[in-house]
N, C-alpha and C. Protein backbone atom coordinates (compact mmCIF):
# COMPACT_ATOMS: atom_id res chain seq x y z
N UNK A 1 -31.19 -55.13 -103.58
CA UNK A 1 -31.59 -55.95 -103.61
C UNK A 1 -31.34 -56.84 -102.11
N UNK A 2 -31.79 -57.36 -101.59
CA UNK A 2 -32.16 -57.54 -99.70
C UNK A 2 -31.49 -58.81 -99.73
N UNK A 3 -30.79 -59.35 -98.65
CA UNK A 3 -29.79 -60.38 -98.82
C UNK A 3 -29.89 -61.21 -98.50
N UNK A 4 -31.94 -61.47 -98.46
CA UNK A 4 -31.58 -63.51 -98.87
C UNK A 4 -32.25 -63.43 -100.54
N UNK A 5 -32.84 -62.16 -101.53
CA UNK A 5 -32.20 -62.49 -102.60
C UNK A 5 -31.64 -62.87 -103.38
N UNK A 6 -32.00 -63.98 -104.42
CA UNK A 6 -30.78 -64.17 -104.56
C UNK A 6 -31.36 -65.09 -106.08
N UNK A 7 -31.12 -65.10 -106.77
CA UNK A 7 -31.36 -65.46 -108.41
C UNK A 7 -31.02 -66.89 -108.48
N UNK A 8 -31.87 -67.65 -109.46
CA UNK A 8 -32.20 -69.05 -109.50
C UNK A 8 -31.46 -69.14 -110.33
N UNK A 9 -31.07 -70.46 -109.96
CA UNK A 9 -29.70 -71.49 -111.14
C UNK A 9 -29.73 -71.33 -112.44
N UNK A 10 -28.32 -71.11 -113.01
CA UNK A 10 -28.11 -70.24 -114.68
C UNK A 10 -29.49 -70.96 -115.07
N UNK A 11 -29.36 -72.53 -115.18
CA UNK A 11 -29.93 -73.26 -115.53
C UNK A 11 -31.84 -72.68 -115.02
N UNK A 12 -31.93 -72.33 -115.11
CA UNK A 12 -33.82 -72.09 -114.73
C UNK A 12 -33.76 -71.26 -115.21
N UNK A 13 -35.20 -70.61 -114.87
CA UNK A 13 -34.94 -69.69 -115.50
C UNK A 13 -34.64 -68.08 -115.45
N UNK A 14 -33.94 -67.83 -114.54
CA UNK A 14 -33.50 -66.80 -114.11
C UNK A 14 -34.48 -65.87 -113.05
N UNK A 15 -35.90 -66.75 -111.96
CA UNK A 15 -36.80 -65.22 -112.13
C UNK A 15 -36.30 -65.54 -110.70
N UNK A 16 -36.01 -64.33 -110.05
CA UNK A 16 -35.18 -63.96 -108.67
C UNK A 16 -36.63 -64.60 -107.59
N UNK A 17 -35.66 -65.34 -106.50
CA UNK A 17 -36.28 -65.43 -105.31
C UNK A 17 -36.26 -65.25 -104.03
N UNK A 18 -37.07 -65.88 -102.97
CA UNK A 18 -36.98 -65.77 -101.10
C UNK A 18 -35.79 -66.28 -101.11
N UNK A 19 -34.98 -66.49 -100.96
CA UNK A 19 -34.20 -67.58 -99.78
C UNK A 19 -35.07 -67.63 -98.60
N UNK A 20 -35.65 -68.88 -98.43
CA UNK A 20 -36.27 -69.59 -97.32
C UNK A 20 -35.80 -70.70 -95.99
N UNK A 21 -35.38 -71.48 -96.95
CA UNK A 21 -34.19 -72.24 -95.68
C UNK A 21 -34.03 -73.35 -96.94
N UNK A 22 -33.32 -74.98 -95.93
CA UNK A 22 -32.94 -75.49 -96.82
C UNK A 22 -33.64 -76.60 -96.98
N UNK A 23 -33.47 -78.00 -97.72
CA UNK A 23 -33.24 -79.69 -97.08
C UNK A 23 -31.91 -80.48 -97.26
N UNK A 24 -32.35 -81.15 -96.59
CA UNK A 24 -31.49 -81.98 -96.02
C UNK A 24 -31.91 -83.74 -96.41
N UNK A 25 -31.05 -84.08 -96.67
CA UNK A 25 -31.28 -86.03 -96.41
C UNK A 25 -31.03 -86.33 -94.72
N UNK A 26 -32.67 -86.81 -94.39
CA UNK A 26 -31.95 -87.43 -92.97
C UNK A 26 -30.83 -88.17 -92.85
N UNK A 27 -29.79 -88.50 -91.48
CA UNK A 27 -28.89 -89.18 -91.20
C UNK A 27 -29.25 -90.43 -91.27
N UNK A 28 -30.48 -90.50 -91.45
CA UNK A 28 -30.27 -92.73 -91.82
C UNK A 28 -30.80 -92.55 -93.39
N UNK A 29 -31.10 -91.64 -93.91
CA UNK A 29 -31.45 -91.39 -94.85
C UNK A 29 -32.54 -92.03 -95.27
N UNK A 30 -33.54 -91.70 -94.89
CA UNK A 30 -34.94 -92.08 -95.26
C UNK A 30 -36.43 -91.13 -95.14
N UNK A 31 -35.58 -90.27 -94.69
CA UNK A 31 -36.59 -88.55 -94.78
C UNK A 31 -35.38 -87.61 -95.73
N UNK A 32 -36.14 -86.75 -95.86
CA UNK A 32 -35.57 -85.82 -95.90
C UNK A 32 -36.19 -84.47 -94.84
N UNK A 33 -35.00 -83.84 -94.52
CA UNK A 33 -35.38 -82.49 -93.27
C UNK A 33 -35.46 -81.42 -94.10
N UNK A 34 -36.68 -80.90 -93.83
CA UNK A 34 -36.94 -78.87 -94.34
C UNK A 34 -37.01 -78.67 -93.10
N UNK A 35 -35.88 -77.16 -93.44
CA UNK A 35 -34.95 -76.28 -92.42
C UNK A 35 -36.31 -74.91 -92.44
N UNK A 36 -36.38 -74.32 -91.55
CA UNK A 36 -37.18 -73.25 -92.41
C UNK A 36 -36.56 -72.03 -91.58
N UNK A 37 -36.51 -70.67 -91.72
CA UNK A 37 -35.66 -70.01 -91.74
C UNK A 37 -37.11 -69.36 -91.02
N UNK A 38 -37.60 -69.23 -89.78
CA UNK A 38 -39.07 -68.37 -89.33
C UNK A 38 -38.44 -66.51 -89.90
N UNK A 39 -37.72 -66.50 -89.78
CA UNK A 39 -37.71 -64.29 -90.26
C UNK A 39 -37.81 -64.66 -91.73
N UNK A 40 -37.21 -65.35 -92.57
CA UNK A 40 -37.44 -65.56 -94.17
C UNK A 40 -39.06 -65.41 -94.23
N UNK A 41 -39.35 -66.91 -93.21
CA UNK A 41 -40.85 -66.57 -93.08
C UNK A 41 -41.52 -65.92 -93.19
N UNK A 42 -41.32 -65.49 -92.32
CA UNK A 42 -42.86 -64.31 -91.71
C UNK A 42 -42.33 -63.08 -93.07
N UNK A 43 -41.05 -63.36 -94.25
CA UNK A 43 -41.48 -62.17 -95.16
C UNK A 43 -42.05 -63.24 -96.39
N UNK A 44 -42.52 -63.11 -96.55
CA UNK A 44 -43.40 -64.42 -97.60
C UNK A 44 -44.47 -63.77 -98.05
N UNK A 45 -44.99 -64.05 -99.17
CA UNK A 45 -46.49 -63.31 -99.66
C UNK A 45 -46.93 -64.62 -99.32
N UNK A 46 -48.19 -64.41 -98.81
CA UNK A 46 -49.37 -65.24 -98.37
C UNK A 46 -50.58 -65.18 -99.78
N UNK A 47 -51.18 -65.89 -99.98
CA UNK A 47 -52.55 -66.26 -100.07
C UNK A 47 -53.61 -66.69 -99.39
N UNK A 48 -54.89 -66.61 -99.80
CA UNK A 48 -55.49 -67.15 -99.13
C UNK A 48 -57.02 -67.80 -100.20
N UNK A 49 -57.35 -69.20 -100.28
CA UNK A 49 -57.76 -70.32 -100.46
C UNK A 49 -59.52 -69.95 -100.10
N UNK A 50 -59.90 -70.34 -100.93
CA UNK A 50 -62.23 -69.81 -100.69
C UNK A 50 -62.33 -69.79 -98.77
N UNK A 51 -62.32 -70.59 -98.30
CA UNK A 51 -62.44 -71.64 -97.30
C UNK A 51 -61.58 -70.77 -96.68
N UNK A 52 -60.96 -69.56 -96.26
CA UNK A 52 -60.20 -68.52 -95.94
C UNK A 52 -58.88 -69.13 -94.92
N UNK A 53 -58.70 -70.63 -94.96
CA UNK A 53 -57.36 -70.80 -94.56
C UNK A 53 -56.20 -70.28 -95.82
N UNK A 54 -54.68 -69.45 -95.01
CA UNK A 54 -53.91 -68.69 -95.65
C UNK A 54 -52.81 -70.22 -95.70
N UNK A 55 -52.35 -69.17 -97.23
CA UNK A 55 -50.85 -70.67 -97.37
C UNK A 55 -49.37 -69.53 -98.10
N UNK A 56 -48.29 -70.01 -97.96
CA UNK A 56 -47.43 -69.24 -98.28
C UNK A 56 -47.05 -70.34 -99.29
N UNK A 57 -46.39 -69.67 -100.45
CA UNK A 57 -46.25 -70.71 -101.64
C UNK A 57 -44.75 -70.92 -101.65
N UNK A 58 -44.06 -72.08 -101.76
CA UNK A 58 -42.76 -72.32 -102.30
C UNK A 58 -42.19 -73.72 -102.47
N UNK A 59 -40.99 -73.28 -103.10
CA UNK A 59 -40.27 -74.23 -104.10
C UNK A 59 -38.72 -74.50 -103.53
N UNK A 60 -38.81 -75.69 -104.27
CA UNK A 60 -37.46 -76.96 -104.14
C UNK A 60 -37.59 -77.29 -106.05
N UNK A 61 -36.26 -77.12 -106.13
CA UNK A 61 -35.04 -77.23 -107.79
C UNK A 61 -36.09 -79.26 -107.39
N UNK A 62 -36.60 -80.21 -108.23
CA UNK A 62 -36.59 -81.30 -108.35
C UNK A 62 -35.04 -81.88 -108.79
N UNK A 63 -34.56 -80.90 -109.86
CA UNK A 63 -33.44 -82.11 -110.11
C UNK A 63 -32.67 -82.03 -108.59
N UNK A 64 -31.90 -80.86 -107.75
CA UNK A 64 -31.80 -80.24 -106.60
C UNK A 64 -32.11 -81.85 -105.45
N UNK A 65 -33.16 -82.05 -105.67
CA UNK A 65 -34.45 -82.27 -104.66
C UNK A 65 -33.77 -83.87 -105.09
N UNK A 66 -33.52 -84.24 -105.66
CA UNK A 66 -33.75 -85.84 -106.50
C UNK A 66 -31.71 -85.89 -106.19
N UNK A 67 -30.74 -85.18 -106.21
CA UNK A 67 -29.34 -84.89 -106.35
C UNK A 67 -29.10 -85.40 -105.12
N UNK A 68 -29.92 -84.37 -103.57
CA UNK A 68 -29.90 -84.58 -102.14
C UNK A 68 -30.33 -85.99 -101.74
N UNK A 69 -31.52 -86.44 -102.31
CA UNK A 69 -32.28 -88.24 -102.26
C UNK A 69 -31.13 -88.57 -102.86
N UNK A 70 -30.76 -88.68 -103.31
CA UNK A 70 -29.60 -89.44 -103.95
C UNK A 70 -27.82 -89.74 -103.38
N UNK A 71 -27.98 -88.72 -102.97
CA UNK A 71 -26.85 -88.23 -101.91
C UNK A 71 -25.74 -87.47 -102.88
N UNK A 72 -25.54 -86.76 -104.21
CA UNK A 72 -24.88 -86.57 -104.72
C UNK A 72 -24.60 -85.05 -104.36
N UNK A 73 -25.95 -84.36 -103.50
CA UNK A 73 -25.15 -83.39 -102.59
C UNK A 73 -26.41 -83.74 -100.96
N UNK A 74 -25.62 -82.60 -100.31
CA UNK A 74 -25.83 -82.49 -99.12
C UNK A 74 -27.21 -81.80 -98.96
N UNK A 75 -27.00 -80.31 -99.43
CA UNK A 75 -28.12 -79.16 -99.06
C UNK A 75 -28.43 -78.75 -100.82
N UNK A 76 -29.89 -78.49 -100.30
CA UNK A 76 -30.62 -77.58 -101.43
C UNK A 76 -31.58 -77.03 -100.71
N UNK A 77 -31.88 -75.63 -101.70
CA UNK A 77 -32.34 -74.36 -100.71
C UNK A 77 -34.27 -74.53 -101.08
N UNK A 78 -34.79 -74.32 -100.49
CA UNK A 78 -36.60 -73.79 -100.00
C UNK A 78 -36.21 -72.39 -100.78
N UNK A 79 -37.07 -71.69 -101.56
CA UNK A 79 -37.54 -70.63 -101.64
C UNK A 79 -38.42 -70.22 -102.24
N UNK A 80 -39.13 -68.76 -102.23
CA UNK A 80 -40.37 -68.56 -102.54
C UNK A 80 -40.18 -67.52 -103.95
N UNK A 81 -41.00 -67.46 -105.10
CA UNK A 81 -41.05 -66.79 -106.30
C UNK A 81 -41.24 -66.07 -106.17
N UNK A 82 -40.30 -64.36 -106.55
CA UNK A 82 -40.87 -63.43 -106.18
C UNK A 82 -40.73 -62.74 -108.18
N UNK A 83 -42.72 -62.99 -107.34
CA UNK A 83 -43.46 -62.47 -108.61
C UNK A 83 -44.29 -60.83 -108.26
N UNK A 84 -44.05 -59.51 -108.84
CA UNK A 84 -44.58 -58.82 -108.96
C UNK A 84 -46.19 -58.54 -109.81
C-alpha cells in the first residue's frame, strides 16, 4: 500500500482511498478552505464526459465536513475512492 493510501474511517464502508488534500474552516468562519496536494492530485484517476471535459472525482465525508463547519473538528480529508 502506498504512503498516501489509507482506509476510510471504520464507521464507513472500509473502502480504500487516496488522500488528496484537506478541508479547513476559514479564519473568519464563513467559508471552507480546500487544500489539494498537487502531487497526489496528479495520481488521481480521471474520467471524461461526452463533451470531452476531463474530471477528477473526489469525496469528503458529510459528517466530518459538518464537524469542521461547526468547529468540532479542525480539519478533514479530501480523498479519491480507489475502485478497481
